[in-house]
Structures are given as C-alpha cells and as structure tokens.
C-alpha cells in the first residue's frame, strides 16, 4: 500500500516509492538511469502504533530505516527525473493501491 511515490515502474525518467507491503513490512524502491534498488525489511507495521519510515539513497546505496533501525543494499540507481506528481497514500490519481491507515507527516528532501 503506497505511502508516498513519484512515478510508476513504467515512468520515463525513473521513479521512487515508500510503501507497506502485504506482510506489513516497509518497502523502499528507487528506479533510475542506473538501475533499481529495493529493500523490504523491518517489523510488521500494521500494529496500530506510530512508526517512522525513512528511505534514502546515495550514489551507491539504498537505505531503509524503520523506527531507528537501518538496513541497506549496495546499488547505484543513477539519476531519477520525471514530471509525475508526488502522490501520498495511493499509486495513481484514481486511488489504486490506496493506503488505508493514518499518515502524520511526510518529509521529502
């Protein structure tokens, strides 16, 4: 269930997203000119408690942090540049893959 994303897997110029998958874990995905880096890790988040999820990438690594614990994978994703809108809580503007929980704060930097 998408928390925040920019673009789809078919979007020219790449895409990125943060979501909670059916297992209840967080997923972090970046797809750019150099390839795709993805991580699914951490505790089950559909427990009714508040959680902090952070996805980050550098030139050679993708990192997922959940409630202060981090996991990373070595992957160069390259440049991501598209004109898609940033969507919060859904995969696309028709509401597909809608997140049905509560989001308190989204920060993109």
C-alpha atoms as a PDB file:
ATOM      1  CA  UNK A   1       0.000   0.000   0.000  1.00  0.00           C
ATOM      2  CA  UNK A   2       1.668   3.168  -1.203  1.00  0.00           C
ATOM      3  CA  UNK A   3       2.603   5.773   1.382  1.00  0.00           C
ATOM      4  CA  UNK A   4       4.355   8.205  -0.963  1.00  0.00           C
ATOM      5  CA  UNK A   5       5.619   7.878  -4.517  1.00  0.00           C
ATOM      6  CA  UNK A   6       6.745   9.779  -7.592  1.00  0.00           C
ATOM      7  CA  UNK A   7       6.141   7.959 -10.847  1.00  0.00           C
ATOM      8  CA  UNK A   8       5.345   4.346 -11.695  1.00  0.00           C
ATOM      9  CA  UNK A   9       7.578   1.437 -12.711  1.00  0.00           C
ATOM     10  CA  UNK A  10       6.857   2.378 -16.346  1.00  0.00           C
ATOM     11  CA  UNK A  11       7.506   6.119 -15.954  1.00  0.00           C
ATOM     12  CA  UNK A  12      10.199   7.518 -18.232  1.00  0.00           C
ATOM     13  CA  UNK A  13      12.996   9.060 -16.167  1.00  0.00           C
ATOM     14  CA  UNK A  14      12.607   6.699 -13.224  1.00  0.00           C
ATOM     15  CA  UNK A  15      10.509   6.530 -10.078  1.00  0.00           C
ATOM     16  CA  UNK A  16      10.670   6.163  -6.314  1.00  0.00           C
ATOM     17  CA  UNK A  17       8.268   4.990  -3.643  1.00  0.00           C
ATOM     18  CA  UNK A  18       7.785   4.103   0.015  1.00  0.00           C
ATOM     19  CA  UNK A  19       5.103   1.571   0.810  1.00  0.00           C
ATOM     20  CA  UNK A  20       3.892  -1.046   3.241  1.00  0.00           C
ATOM     21  CA  UNK A  21       3.647  -4.468   1.596  1.00  0.00           C
ATOM     22  CA  UNK A  22       1.133  -7.223   2.400  1.00  0.00           C
ATOM     23  CA  UNK A  23       3.491  -8.739   5.011  1.00  0.00           C
ATOM     24  CA  UNK A  24       3.221  -5.445   6.920  1.00  0.00           C
ATOM     25  CA  UNK A  25       6.872  -4.508   6.331  1.00  0.00           C
ATOM     26  CA  UNK A  26       8.148  -1.299   4.771  1.00  0.00           C
ATOM     27  CA  UNK A  27       9.432  -1.227   1.205  1.00  0.00           C
ATOM     28  CA  UNK A  28      11.782   1.349  -0.255  1.00  0.00           C
ATOM     29  CA  UNK A  29      12.284   1.474  -4.039  1.00  0.00           C
ATOM     30  CA  UNK A  30      14.303   3.744  -6.315  1.00  0.00           C
ATOM     31  CA  UNK A  31      14.479   3.205 -10.108  1.00  0.00           C
ATOM     32  CA  UNK A  32      16.735   5.434 -12.132  1.00  0.00           C
ATOM     33  CA  UNK A  33      19.028   5.582 -15.141  1.00  0.00           C
ATOM     34  CA  UNK A  34      21.488   3.191 -13.445  1.00  0.00           C
ATOM     35  CA  UNK A  35      19.005   0.532 -12.382  1.00  0.00           C
ATOM     36  CA  UNK A  36      16.729  -0.280  -9.476  1.00  0.00           C
ATOM     37  CA  UNK A  37      17.435  -0.570  -5.777  1.00  0.00           C
ATOM     38  CA  UNK A  38      14.792  -2.028  -3.483  1.00  0.00           C
ATOM     39  CA  UNK A  39      14.575  -3.141   0.148  1.00  0.00           C
ATOM     40  CA  UNK A  40      11.748  -4.764   2.109  1.00  0.00           C
ATOM     41  CA  UNK A  41      12.717  -5.057   5.776  1.00  0.00           C
ATOM     42  CA  UNK A  42      11.743  -4.367   9.334  1.00  0.00           C
ATOM     43  CA  UNK A  43       8.980  -5.247  11.740  1.00  0.00           C
ATOM     44  CA  UNK A  44       5.297  -5.626  10.956  1.00  0.00           C
ATOM     45  CA  UNK A  45       3.933  -2.088  10.877  1.00  0.00           C
ATOM     46  CA  UNK A  46       0.200  -2.782  10.803  1.00  0.00           C
ATOM     47  CA  UNK A  47       0.005  -2.995  14.614  1.00  0.00           C
ATOM     48  CA  UNK A  48      -1.881   0.224  15.394  1.00  0.00           C
ATOM     49  CA  UNK A  49       1.238   2.024  16.695  1.00  0.00           C
ATOM     50  CA  UNK A  50       3.014   5.028  15.162  1.00  0.00           C
ATOM     51  CA  UNK A  51       6.183   4.270  13.179  1.00  0.00           C
ATOM     52  CA  UNK A  52       8.839   6.302  11.410  1.00  0.00           C
ATOM     53  CA  UNK A  53       9.967   5.105   7.977  1.00  0.00           C
ATOM     54  CA  UNK A  54      12.844   6.689   6.065  1.00  0.00           C
ATOM     55  CA  UNK A  55      14.102   5.783   2.593  1.00  0.00           C
ATOM     56  CA  UNK A  56      17.338   7.246   1.330  1.00  0.00           C
ATOM     57  CA  UNK A  57      19.787   6.720  -1.492  1.00  0.00           C
ATOM     58  CA  UNK A  58      23.328   7.752  -2.233  1.00  0.00           C
ATOM     59  CA  UNK A  59      25.350   7.218  -5.390  1.00  0.00           C
ATOM     60  CA  UNK A  60      25.990   3.588  -4.376  1.00  0.00           C
ATOM     61  CA  UNK A  61      23.477   2.567  -1.708  1.00  0.00           C
ATOM     62  CA  UNK A  62      19.773   2.380  -0.828  1.00  0.00           C
ATOM     63  CA  UNK A  63      18.893   2.545   2.878  1.00  0.00           C
ATOM     64  CA  UNK A  64      15.606   1.803   4.644  1.00  0.00           C
ATOM     65  CA  UNK A  65      15.187   2.878   8.271  1.00  0.00           C
ATOM     66  CA  UNK A  66      12.223   1.845  10.424  1.00  0.00           C
ATOM     67  CA  UNK A  67      11.941   3.223  13.949  1.00  0.00           C
ATOM     68  CA  UNK A  68      15.689   3.922  14.102  1.00  0.00           C
ATOM     69  CA  UNK A  69      16.925   0.545  12.772  1.00  0.00           C
ATOM     70  CA  UNK A  70      18.524   0.643   9.301  1.00  0.00           C
ATOM     71  CA  UNK A  71      19.139  -1.838   6.506  1.00  0.00           C
ATOM     72  CA  UNK A  72      20.930  -1.089   3.253  1.00  0.00           C
ATOM     73  CA  UNK A  73      21.874  -2.617  -0.044  1.00  0.00           C
ATOM     74  CA  UNK A  74      24.690  -1.672  -2.387  1.00  0.00           C
ATOM     75  CA  UNK A  75      23.068  -0.411  -5.564  1.00  0.00           C
ATOM     76  CA  UNK A  76      23.664   2.517  -7.862  1.00  0.00           C
ATOM     77  CA  UNK A  77      20.310   3.700  -9.170  1.00  0.00           C
ATOM     78  CA  UNK A  78      21.503   6.689 -11.179  1.00  0.00           C
ATOM     79  CA  UNK A  79      19.505   9.796 -11.968  1.00  0.00           C
ATOM     80  CA  UNK A  80      15.751   9.936 -11.289  1.00  0.00           C
ATOM     81  CA  UNK A  81      13.950  12.745 -13.069  1.00  0.00           C
ATOM     82  CA  UNK A  82      10.302  12.729 -14.101  1.00  0.00           C
ATOM     83  CA  UNK A  83       7.407  15.171 -14.285  1.00  0.00           C
ATOM     84  CA  UNK A  84       4.992  12.979 -12.317  1.00  0.00           C
ATOM     85  CA  UNK A  85       3.149  14.408  -9.345  1.00  0.00           C
ATOM     86  CA  UNK A  86       4.155  13.266  -5.872  1.00  0.00           C
ATOM     87  CA  UNK A  87       1.294  11.115  -4.613  1.00  0.00           C
ATOM     88  CA  UNK A  88       0.563  10.451  -0.959  1.00  0.00           C
ATOM     89  CA  UNK A  89      -1.479   7.418   0.018  1.00  0.00           C
ATOM     90  CA  UNK A  90      -2.180   5.978  -3.457  1.00  0.00           C
ATOM     91  CA  UNK A  91      -0.433   4.513  -6.507  1.00  0.00           C
ATOM     92  CA  UNK A  92      -2.099   6.814  -9.010  1.00  0.00           C
ATOM     93  CA  UNK A  93      -4.667   9.585  -9.210  1.00  0.00           C
ATOM     94  CA  UNK A  94      -7.520   7.065  -9.436  1.00  0.00           C
ATOM     95  CA  UNK A  95      -6.629   5.835  -5.933  1.00  0.00           C
ATOM     96  CA  UNK A  96      -5.282   2.394  -6.816  1.00  0.00           C
ATOM     97  CA  UNK A  97      -3.206   0.645  -4.113  1.00  0.00           C
ATOM     98  CA  UNK A  98      -4.633   3.055  -1.559  1.00  0.00           C
ATOM     99  CA  UNK A  99      -3.146   3.170   1.937  1.00  0.00           C
ATOM    100  CA  UNK A 100      -5.954   2.850   4.492  1.00  0.00           C
ATOM    101  CA  UNK A 101      -4.037   3.879   7.610  1.00  0.00           C
ATOM    102  CA  UNK A 102      -3.143   7.272   9.044  1.00  0.00           C
ATOM    103  CA  UNK A 103      -0.149   9.339   7.896  1.00  0.00           C
ATOM    104  CA  UNK A 104       1.010  12.045  10.256  1.00  0.00           C
ATOM    105  CA  UNK A 105       3.882  13.657   8.390  1.00  0.00           C
ATOM    106  CA  UNK A 106       5.646  13.300   5.038  1.00  0.00           C
ATOM    107  CA  UNK A 107       9.032  14.956   4.505  1.00  0.00           C
ATOM    108  CA  UNK A 108      10.889  14.874   1.190  1.00  0.00           C
ATOM    109  CA  UNK A 109      14.389  16.241   0.955  1.00  0.00           C
END
